[in-house]
Amino acid sequence: MYFLGAGVILLLLKYLEIGPVGQWDWVKDWYWFAAPFVLAVVWWAWADASGYTKKKAMDKMDQRKKDRLTKNREALGLGTKRK
């Protein structure tokens, strides 16, 4: 996501001709504008292939389940278990 954001910022800087990025040539310096988007695609391909995305989703779901159970225990007046 950071790569995608960086690419959009570079494009906006060039389009609005702000700073040194505004002086870059579209044809000559195309790789500066394309690199963040290529890196974003590579990152997403790796994350999906390695299972990183699925693991993060499962961790988030487990945390939501844990929070829900804790909230329900407190609502029933049982409190949390102590070890």
PDB file of N, CA and C in Angstrom:
ATOM      1  N   MET A   1       0.811  -1.184   0.000  1.00  0.00           N
ATOM      2  CA  MET A   1       0.000   0.000   0.000  1.00  0.00           C
ATOM      3  C   MET A   1       0.862   1.258   0.000  1.00  0.00           C
ATOM      4  N   TYR A   2       1.982   1.206   0.679  1.00  0.00           N
ATOM      5  CA  TYR A   2       2.882   2.363   0.703  1.00  0.00           C
ATOM      6  C   TYR A   2       3.443   2.654  -0.687  1.00  0.00           C
ATOM      7  N   PHE A   3       3.748   1.592  -1.434  1.00  0.00           N
ATOM      8  CA  PHE A   3       4.258   1.786  -2.794  1.00  0.00           C
ATOM      9  C   PHE A   3       3.216   2.469  -3.671  1.00  0.00           C
ATOM     10  N   LEU A   4       1.980   2.041  -3.534  1.00  0.00           N
ATOM     11  CA  LEU A   4       0.903   2.634  -4.309  1.00  0.00           C
ATOM     12  C   LEU A   4       0.732   4.114  -3.955  1.00  0.00           C
ATOM     13  N   GLY A   5       0.794   4.422  -2.679  1.00  0.00           N
ATOM     14  CA  GLY A   5       0.697   5.813  -2.239  1.00  0.00           C
ATOM     15  C   GLY A   5       1.843   6.661  -2.773  1.00  0.00           C
ATOM     16  N   ALA A   6       3.056   6.107  -2.744  1.00  0.00           N
ATOM     17  CA  ALA A   6       4.212   6.837  -3.263  1.00  0.00           C
ATOM     18  C   ALA A   6       4.061   7.095  -4.760  1.00  0.00           C
ATOM     19  N   GLY A   7       3.552   6.119  -5.492  1.00  0.00           N
ATOM     20  CA  GLY A   7       3.350   6.289  -6.926  1.00  0.00           C
ATOM     21  C   GLY A   7       2.331   7.374  -7.236  1.00  0.00           C
ATOM     22  N   VAL A   8       1.246   7.389  -6.475  1.00  0.00           N
ATOM     23  CA  VAL A   8       0.221   8.416  -6.687  1.00  0.00           C
ATOM     24  C   VAL A   8       0.775   9.796  -6.349  1.00  0.00           C
ATOM     25  N   ILE A   9       1.541   9.897  -5.279  1.00  0.00           N
ATOM     26  CA  ILE A   9       2.147  11.185  -4.917  1.00  0.00           C
ATOM     27  C   ILE A   9       3.087  11.667  -6.014  1.00  0.00           C
ATOM     28  N   LEU A  10       3.911  10.765  -6.548  1.00  0.00           N
ATOM     29  CA  LEU A  10       4.813  11.155  -7.642  1.00  0.00           C
ATOM     30  C   LEU A  10       4.028  11.651  -8.856  1.00  0.00           C
ATOM     31  N   LEU A  11       2.957  10.948  -9.191  1.00  0.00           N
ATOM     32  CA  LEU A  11       2.146  11.366 -10.332  1.00  0.00           C
ATOM     33  C   LEU A  11       1.502  12.732 -10.095  1.00  0.00           C
ATOM     34  N   LEU A  12       1.012  12.956  -8.881  1.00  0.00           N
ATOM     35  CA  LEU A  12       0.419  14.259  -8.574  1.00  0.00           C
ATOM     36  C   LEU A  12       1.456  15.380  -8.618  1.00  0.00           C
ATOM     37  N   LEU A  13       2.635  15.113  -8.082  1.00  0.00           N
ATOM     38  CA  LEU A  13       3.694  16.129  -8.120  1.00  0.00           C
ATOM     39  C   LEU A  13       4.072  16.475  -9.555  1.00  0.00           C
ATOM     40  N   LYS A  14       4.136  15.471 -10.406  1.00  0.00           N
ATOM     41  CA  LYS A  14       4.474  15.718 -11.810  1.00  0.00           C
ATOM     42  C   LYS A  14       3.341  16.455 -12.512  1.00  0.00           C
ATOM     43  N   TYR A  15       2.108  16.025 -12.291  1.00  0.00           N
ATOM     44  CA  TYR A  15       0.959  16.633 -12.968  1.00  0.00           C
ATOM     45  C   TYR A  15       0.798  18.097 -12.553  1.00  0.00           C
ATOM     46  N   LEU A  16       0.993  18.385 -11.265  1.00  0.00           N
ATOM     47  CA  LEU A  16       0.861  19.745 -10.772  1.00  0.00           C
ATOM     48  C   LEU A  16       2.157  20.555 -10.900  1.00  0.00           C
ATOM     49  N   GLU A  17       3.212  19.896 -11.396  1.00  0.00           N
ATOM     50  CA  GLU A  17       4.526  20.501 -11.592  1.00  0.00           C
ATOM     51  C   GLU A  17       5.044  21.163 -10.319  1.00  0.00           C
ATOM     52  N   ILE A  18       5.096  20.368  -9.258  1.00  0.00           N
ATOM     53  CA  ILE A  18       5.576  20.827  -7.960  1.00  0.00           C
ATOM     54  C   ILE A  18       6.970  20.264  -7.710  1.00  0.00           C
ATOM     55  N   GLY A  19       7.882  21.135  -7.290  1.00  0.00           N
ATOM     56  CA  GLY A  19       9.228  20.718  -6.909  1.00  0.00           C
ATOM     57  C   GLY A  19      10.026  20.149  -8.070  1.00  0.00           C
ATOM     58  N   PRO A  20      11.089  19.427  -7.719  1.00  0.00           N
ATOM     59  CA  PRO A  20      11.942  18.854  -8.767  1.00  0.00           C
ATOM     60  C   PRO A  20      11.247  17.771  -9.585  1.00  0.00           C
ATOM     61  N   VAL A  21      10.264  17.113  -9.005  1.00  0.00           N
ATOM     62  CA  VAL A  21       9.533  16.075  -9.738  1.00  0.00           C
ATOM     63  C   VAL A  21       8.787  16.700 -10.913  1.00  0.00           C
ATOM     64  N   GLY A  22       8.337  17.914 -10.756  1.00  0.00           N
ATOM     65  CA  GLY A  22       7.630  18.601 -11.832  1.00  0.00           C
ATOM     66  C   GLY A  22       8.496  18.879 -13.043  1.00  0.00           C
ATOM     67  N   GLN A  23       9.801  18.869 -12.861  1.00  0.00           N
ATOM     68  CA  GLN A  23      10.733  19.131 -13.959  1.00  0.00           C
ATOM     69  C   GLN A  23      11.135  17.864 -14.714  1.00  0.00           C
ATOM     70  N   TRP A  24      10.803  16.706 -14.179  1.00  0.00           N
ATOM     71  CA  TRP A  24      11.144  15.459 -14.847  1.00  0.00           C
ATOM     72  C   TRP A  24      10.352  15.329 -16.142  1.00  0.00           C
ATOM     73  N   ASP A  25      10.968  14.656 -17.096  1.00  0.00           N
ATOM     74  CA  ASP A  25      10.317  14.415 -18.391  1.00  0.00           C
ATOM     75  C   ASP A  25       9.567  13.086 -18.331  1.00  0.00           C
ATOM     76  N   TRP A  26       8.340  13.060 -18.861  1.00  0.00           N
ATOM     77  CA  TRP A  26       7.530  11.838 -18.829  1.00  0.00           C
ATOM     78  C   TRP A  26       8.218  10.690 -19.551  1.00  0.00           C
ATOM     79  N   VAL A  27       8.823  10.986 -20.705  1.00  0.00           N
ATOM     80  CA  VAL A  27       9.403   9.933 -21.536  1.00  0.00           C
ATOM     81  C   VAL A  27      10.759   9.501 -20.999  1.00  0.00           C
ATOM     82  N   LYS A  28      11.596  10.458 -20.669  1.00  0.00           N
ATOM     83  CA  LYS A  28      12.957  10.149 -20.240  1.00  0.00           C
ATOM     84  C   LYS A  28      12.994   9.515 -18.847  1.00  0.00           C
ATOM     85  N   ASP A  29      12.141   9.947 -17.949  1.00  0.00           N
ATOM     86  CA  ASP A  29      12.167   9.473 -16.564  1.00  0.00           C
ATOM     87  C   ASP A  29      10.948   8.611 -16.220  1.00  0.00           C
ATOM     88  N   TRP A  30      10.431   7.857 -17.181  1.00  0.00           N
ATOM     89  CA  TRP A  30       9.233   7.050 -16.980  1.00  0.00           C
ATOM     90  C   TRP A  30       9.401   6.020 -15.867  1.00  0.00           C
ATOM     91  N   TYR A  31      10.612   5.507 -15.664  1.00  0.00           N
ATOM     92  CA  TYR A  31      10.835   4.453 -14.685  1.00  0.00           C
ATOM     93  C   TYR A  31      10.624   4.949 -13.259  1.00  0.00           C
ATOM     94  N   TRP A  32      10.829   6.240 -12.995  1.00  0.00           N
ATOM     95  CA  TRP A  32      10.567   6.792 -11.664  1.00  0.00           C
ATOM     96  C   TRP A  32       9.073   6.773 -11.345  1.00  0.00           C
ATOM     97  N   PHE A  33       8.261   6.945 -12.377  1.00  0.00           N
ATOM     98  CA  PHE A  33       6.818   6.932 -12.173  1.00  0.00           C
ATOM     99  C   PHE A  33       6.267   5.512 -12.141  1.00  0.00           C
ATOM    100  N   ALA A  34       6.888   4.595 -12.859  1.00  0.00           N
ATOM    101  CA  ALA A  34       6.402   3.215 -12.939  1.00  0.00           C
ATOM    102  C   ALA A  34       6.896   2.340 -11.788  1.00  0.00           C
ATOM    103  N   ALA A  35       8.063   2.637 -11.241  1.00  0.00           N
ATOM    104  CA  ALA A  35       8.680   1.784 -10.221  1.00  0.00           C
ATOM    105  C   ALA A  35       7.782   1.525  -9.004  1.00  0.00           C
ATOM    106  N   PRO A  36       7.163   2.536  -8.408  1.00  0.00           N
ATOM    107  CA  PRO A  36       6.325   2.237  -7.233  1.00  0.00           C
ATOM    108  C   PRO A  36       5.153   1.306  -7.546  1.00  0.00           C
ATOM    109  N   PHE A  37       4.569   1.447  -8.727  1.00  0.00           N
ATOM    110  CA  PHE A  37       3.444   0.586  -9.091  1.00  0.00           C
ATOM    111  C   PHE A  37       3.910  -0.843  -9.360  1.00  0.00           C
ATOM    112  N   VAL A  38       5.066  -0.995  -9.978  1.00  0.00           N
ATOM    113  CA  VAL A  38       5.640  -2.328 -10.206  1.00  0.00           C
ATOM    114  C   VAL A  38       5.968  -2.985  -8.866  1.00  0.00           C
ATOM    115  N   LEU A  39       6.548  -2.217  -7.944  1.00  0.00           N
ATOM    116  CA  LEU A  39       6.872  -2.760  -6.624  1.00  0.00           C
ATOM    117  C   LEU A  39       5.606  -3.147  -5.861  1.00  0.00           C
ATOM    118  N   ALA A  40       4.531  -2.401  -6.023  1.00  0.00           N
ATOM    119  CA  ALA A  40       3.263  -2.748  -5.371  1.00  0.00           C
ATOM    120  C   ALA A  40       2.726  -4.072  -5.902  1.00  0.00           C
ATOM    121  N   VAL A  41       2.810  -4.275  -7.209  1.00  0.00           N
ATOM    122  CA  VAL A  41       2.353  -5.537  -7.806  1.00  0.00           C
ATOM    123  C   VAL A  41       3.209  -6.702  -7.316  1.00  0.00           C
ATOM    124  N   VAL A  42       4.515  -6.502  -7.245  1.00  0.00           N
ATOM    125  CA  VAL A  42       5.419  -7.553  -6.757  1.00  0.00           C
ATOM    126  C   VAL A  42       5.101  -7.875  -5.301  1.00  0.00           C
ATOM    127  N   TRP A  43       4.887  -6.837  -4.478  1.00  0.00           N
ATOM    128  CA  TRP A  43       4.566  -7.050  -3.068  1.00  0.00           C
ATOM    129  C   TRP A  43       3.266  -7.840  -2.922  1.00  0.00           C
ATOM    130  N   TRP A  44       2.221  -7.465  -3.652  1.00  0.00           N
ATOM    131  CA  TRP A  44       0.945  -8.165  -3.543  1.00  0.00           C
ATOM    132  C   TRP A  44       1.055  -9.598  -4.028  1.00  0.00           C
ATOM    133  N   ALA A  45       1.816  -9.833  -5.082  1.00  0.00           N
ATOM    134  CA  ALA A  45       2.003 -11.200  -5.579  1.00  0.00           C
ATOM    135  C   ALA A  45       2.724 -12.048  -4.533  1.00  0.00           C
ATOM    136  N   TRP A  46       3.766 -11.485  -3.913  1.00  0.00           N
ATOM    137  CA  TRP A  46       4.499 -12.231  -2.883  1.00  0.00           C
ATOM    138  C   TRP A  46       3.614 -12.488  -1.662  1.00  0.00           C
ATOM    139  N   ALA A  47       2.879 -11.467  -1.236  1.00  0.00           N
ATOM    140  CA  ALA A  47       2.031 -11.605  -0.045  1.00  0.00           C
ATOM    141  C   ALA A  47       0.964 -12.677  -0.253  1.00  0.00           C
ATOM    142  N   ASP A  48       0.378 -12.726  -1.427  1.00  0.00           N
ATOM    143  CA  ASP A  48      -0.636 -13.744  -1.705  1.00  0.00           C
ATOM    144  C   ASP A  48      -0.022 -15.134  -1.846  1.00  0.00           C
ATOM    145  N   ALA A  49       1.123 -15.213  -2.501  1.00  0.00           N
ATOM    146  CA  ALA A  49       1.758 -16.515  -2.736  1.00  0.00           C
ATOM    147  C   ALA A  49       2.315 -17.114  -1.446  1.00  0.00           C
ATOM    148  N   SER A  50       2.808 -16.279  -0.543  1.00  0.00           N
ATOM    149  CA  SER A  50       3.427 -16.783   0.676  1.00  0.00           C
ATOM    150  C   SER A  50       2.429 -17.043   1.793  1.00  0.00           C
ATOM    151  N   GLY A  51       1.197 -16.580   1.639  1.00  0.00           N
ATOM    152  CA  GLY A  51       0.202 -16.765   2.681  1.00  0.00           C
ATOM    153  C   GLY A  51       0.191 -15.654   3.706  1.00  0.00           C
ATOM    154  N   TYR A  52       0.975 -14.618   3.501  1.00  0.00           N
ATOM    155  CA  TYR A  52       1.065 -13.491   4.433  1.00  0.00           C
ATOM    156  C   TYR A  52      -0.290 -12.812   4.597  1.00  0.00           C
ATOM    157  N   THR A  53      -0.989 -12.591   3.510  1.00  0.00           N
ATOM    158  CA  THR A  53      -2.287 -11.920   3.547  1.00  0.00           C
ATOM    159  C   THR A  53      -3.294 -12.753   4.334  1.00  0.00           C
ATOM    160  N   LYS A  54      -3.324 -14.034   4.096  1.00  0.00           N
ATOM    161  CA  LYS A  54      -4.263 -14.921   4.784  1.00  0.00           C
ATOM    162  C   LYS A  54      -3.959 -14.983   6.279  1.00  0.00           C
ATOM    163  N   LYS A  55      -2.680 -15.014   6.631  1.00  0.00           N
ATOM    164  CA  LYS A  55      -2.286 -15.061   8.037  1.00  0.00           C
ATOM    165  C   LYS A  55      -2.723 -13.801   8.759  1.00  0.00           C
ATOM    166  N   LYS A  56      -2.533 -12.645   8.133  1.00  0.00           N
ATOM    167  CA  LYS A  56      -2.951 -11.379   8.744  1.00  0.00           C
ATOM    168  C   LYS A  56      -4.461 -11.343   8.940  1.00  0.00           C
ATOM    169  N   ALA A  57      -5.207 -11.842   7.974  1.00  0.00           N
ATOM    170  CA  ALA A  57      -6.666 -11.871   8.088  1.00  0.00           C
ATOM    171  C   ALA A  57      -7.104 -12.801   9.217  1.00  0.00           C
ATOM    172  N   MET A  58      -6.437 -13.946   9.346  1.00  0.00           N
ATOM    173  CA  MET A  58      -6.780 -14.882  10.416  1.00  0.00           C
ATOM    174  C   MET A  58      -6.423 -14.307  11.782  1.00  0.00           C
ATOM    175  N   ASP A  59      -5.290 -13.620  11.893  1.00  0.00           N
ATOM    176  CA  ASP A  59      -4.909 -12.991  13.155  1.00  0.00           C
ATOM    177  C   ASP A  59      -5.930 -11.933  13.568  1.00  0.00           C
ATOM    178  N   LYS A  60      -6.388 -11.160  12.605  1.00  0.00           N
ATOM    179  CA  LYS A  60      -7.378 -10.123  12.884  1.00  0.00           C
ATOM    180  C   LYS A  60      -8.696 -10.754  13.342  1.00  0.00           C
ATOM    181  N   MET A  61      -9.092 -11.835  12.692  1.00  0.00           N
ATOM    182  CA  MET A  61     -10.329 -12.520  13.052  1.00  0.00           C
ATOM    183  C   MET A  61     -10.222 -13.139  14.453  1.00  0.00           C
ATOM    184  N   ASP A  62      -9.068 -13.719  14.776  1.00  0.00           N
ATOM    185  CA  ASP A  62      -8.860 -14.300  16.100  1.00  0.00           C
ATOM    186  C   ASP A  62      -8.909 -13.231  17.187  1.00  0.00           C
ATOM    187  N   GLN A  63      -8.335 -12.068  16.916  1.00  0.00           N
ATOM    188  CA  GLN A  63      -8.353 -10.985  17.892  1.00  0.00           C
ATOM    189  C   GLN A  63      -9.774 -10.479  18.120  1.00  0.00           C
ATOM    190  N   ARG A  64     -10.560 -10.375  17.046  1.00  0.00           N
ATOM    191  CA  ARG A  64     -11.955  -9.951  17.179  1.00  0.00           C
ATOM    192  C   ARG A  64     -12.750 -10.957  18.015  1.00  0.00           C
ATOM    193  N   LYS A  65     -12.483 -12.250  17.798  1.00  0.00           N
ATOM    194  CA  LYS A  65     -13.160 -13.301  18.556  1.00  0.00           C
ATOM    195  C   LYS A  65     -12.790 -13.210  20.036  1.00  0.00           C
ATOM    196  N   LYS A  66     -11.520 -13.010  20.313  1.00  0.00           N
ATOM    197  CA  LYS A  66     -11.046 -12.900  21.688  1.00  0.00           C
ATOM    198  C   LYS A  66     -11.674 -11.684  22.379  1.00  0.00           C
ATOM    199  N   ASP A  67     -11.718 -10.557  21.682  1.00  0.00           N
ATOM    200  CA  ASP A  67     -12.323  -9.351  22.241  1.00  0.00           C
ATOM    201  C   ASP A  67     -13.810  -9.548  22.505  1.00  0.00           C
ATOM    202  N   ARG A  68     -14.500 -10.220  21.591  1.00  0.00           N
ATOM    203  CA  ARG A  68     -15.925 -10.479  21.753  1.00  0.00           C
ATOM    204  C   ARG A  68     -16.182 -11.377  22.962  1.00  0.00           C
ATOM    205  N   LEU A  69     -15.368 -12.416  23.134  1.00  0.00           N
ATOM    206  CA  LEU A  69     -15.525 -13.309  24.283  1.00  0.00           C
ATOM    207  C   LEU A  69     -15.276 -12.568  25.595  1.00  0.00           C
ATOM    208  N   THR A  70     -14.253 -11.742  25.630  1.00  0.00           N
ATOM    209  CA  THR A  70     -13.950 -10.962  26.831  1.00  0.00           C
ATOM    210  C   THR A  70     -15.095 -10.008  27.152  1.00  0.00           C
ATOM    211  N   LYS A  71     -15.629  -9.356  26.148  1.00  0.00           N
ATOM    212  CA  LYS A  71     -16.749  -8.428  26.346  1.00  0.00           C
ATOM    213  C   LYS A  71     -17.973  -9.162  26.884  1.00  0.00           C
ATOM    214  N   ASN A  72     -18.265 -10.336  26.333  1.00  0.00           N
ATOM    215  CA  ASN A  72     -19.415 -11.112  26.789  1.00  0.00           C
ATOM    216  C   ASN A  72     -19.228 -11.612  28.224  1.00  0.00           C
ATOM    217  N   ARG A  73     -18.024 -12.038  28.585  1.00  0.00           N
ATOM    218  CA  ARG A  73     -17.750 -12.479  29.965  1.00  0.00           C
ATOM    219  C   ARG A  73     -17.958 -11.333  30.946  1.00  0.00           C
ATOM    220  N   GLU A  74     -17.472 -10.164  30.580  1.00  0.00           N
ATOM    221  CA  GLU A  74     -17.630  -9.007  31.463  1.00  0.00           C
ATOM    222  C   GLU A  74     -19.094  -8.602  31.571  1.00  0.00           C
ATOM    223  N   ALA A  75     -19.851  -8.731  30.490  1.00  0.00           N
ATOM    224  CA  ALA A  75     -21.278  -8.400  30.521  1.00  0.00           C
ATOM    225  C   ALA A  75     -22.052  -9.361  31.418  1.00  0.00           C
ATOM    226  N   LEU A  76     -21.614 -10.607  31.490  1.00  0.00           N
ATOM    227  CA  LEU A  76     -22.261 -11.595  32.352  1.00  0.00           C
ATOM    228  C   LEU A  76     -21.782 -11.502  33.797  1.00  0.00           C
ATOM    229  N   GLY A  77     -20.746 -10.694  34.029  1.00  0.00           N
ATOM    230  CA  GLY A  77     -20.208 -10.546  35.380  1.00  0.00           C
ATOM    231  C   GLY A  77     -19.243 -11.630  35.770  1.00  0.00           C
ATOM    232  N   LEU A  78     -18.758 -12.382  34.807  1.00  0.00           N
ATOM    233  CA  LEU A  78     -17.815 -13.460  35.099  1.00  0.00           C
ATOM    234  C   LEU A  78     -16.383 -12.961  35.176  1.00  0.00           C
ATOM    235  N   GLY A  79     -16.094 -11.839  34.584  1.00  0.00           N
ATOM    236  CA  GLY A  79     -14.725 -11.331  34.571  1.00  0.00           C
ATOM    237  C   GLY A  79     -13.841 -12.168  33.671  1.00  0.00           C
ATOM    238  N   THR A  80     -12.573 -11.888  33.729  1.00  0.00           N
ATOM    239  CA  THR A  80     -11.615 -12.662  32.946  1.00  0.00           C
ATOM    240  C   THR A  80     -10.991 -13.730  33.816  1.00  0.00           C
ATOM    241  N   LYS A  81     -10.573 -14.785  33.203  1.00  0.00           N
ATOM    242  CA  LYS A  81      -9.947 -15.877  33.941  1.00  0.00           C
ATOM    243  C   LYS A  81      -8.547 -15.467  34.374  1.00  0.00           C
ATOM    244  N   ARG A  82      -8.184 -15.833  35.613  1.00  0.00           N
ATOM    245  CA  ARG A  82      -6.839 -15.554  36.107  1.00  0.00           C
ATOM    246  C   ARG A  82      -6.070 -16.852  36.211  1.00  0.00           C
ATOM    247  N   LYS A  83      -4.807 -16.779  35.923  1.00  0.00           N
ATOM    248  CA  LYS A  83      -3.968 -17.984  36.011  1.00  0.00           C
ATOM    249  C   LYS A  83      -3.077 -17.907  37.216  1.00  0.00           C
TER     250      LYS A  83
END
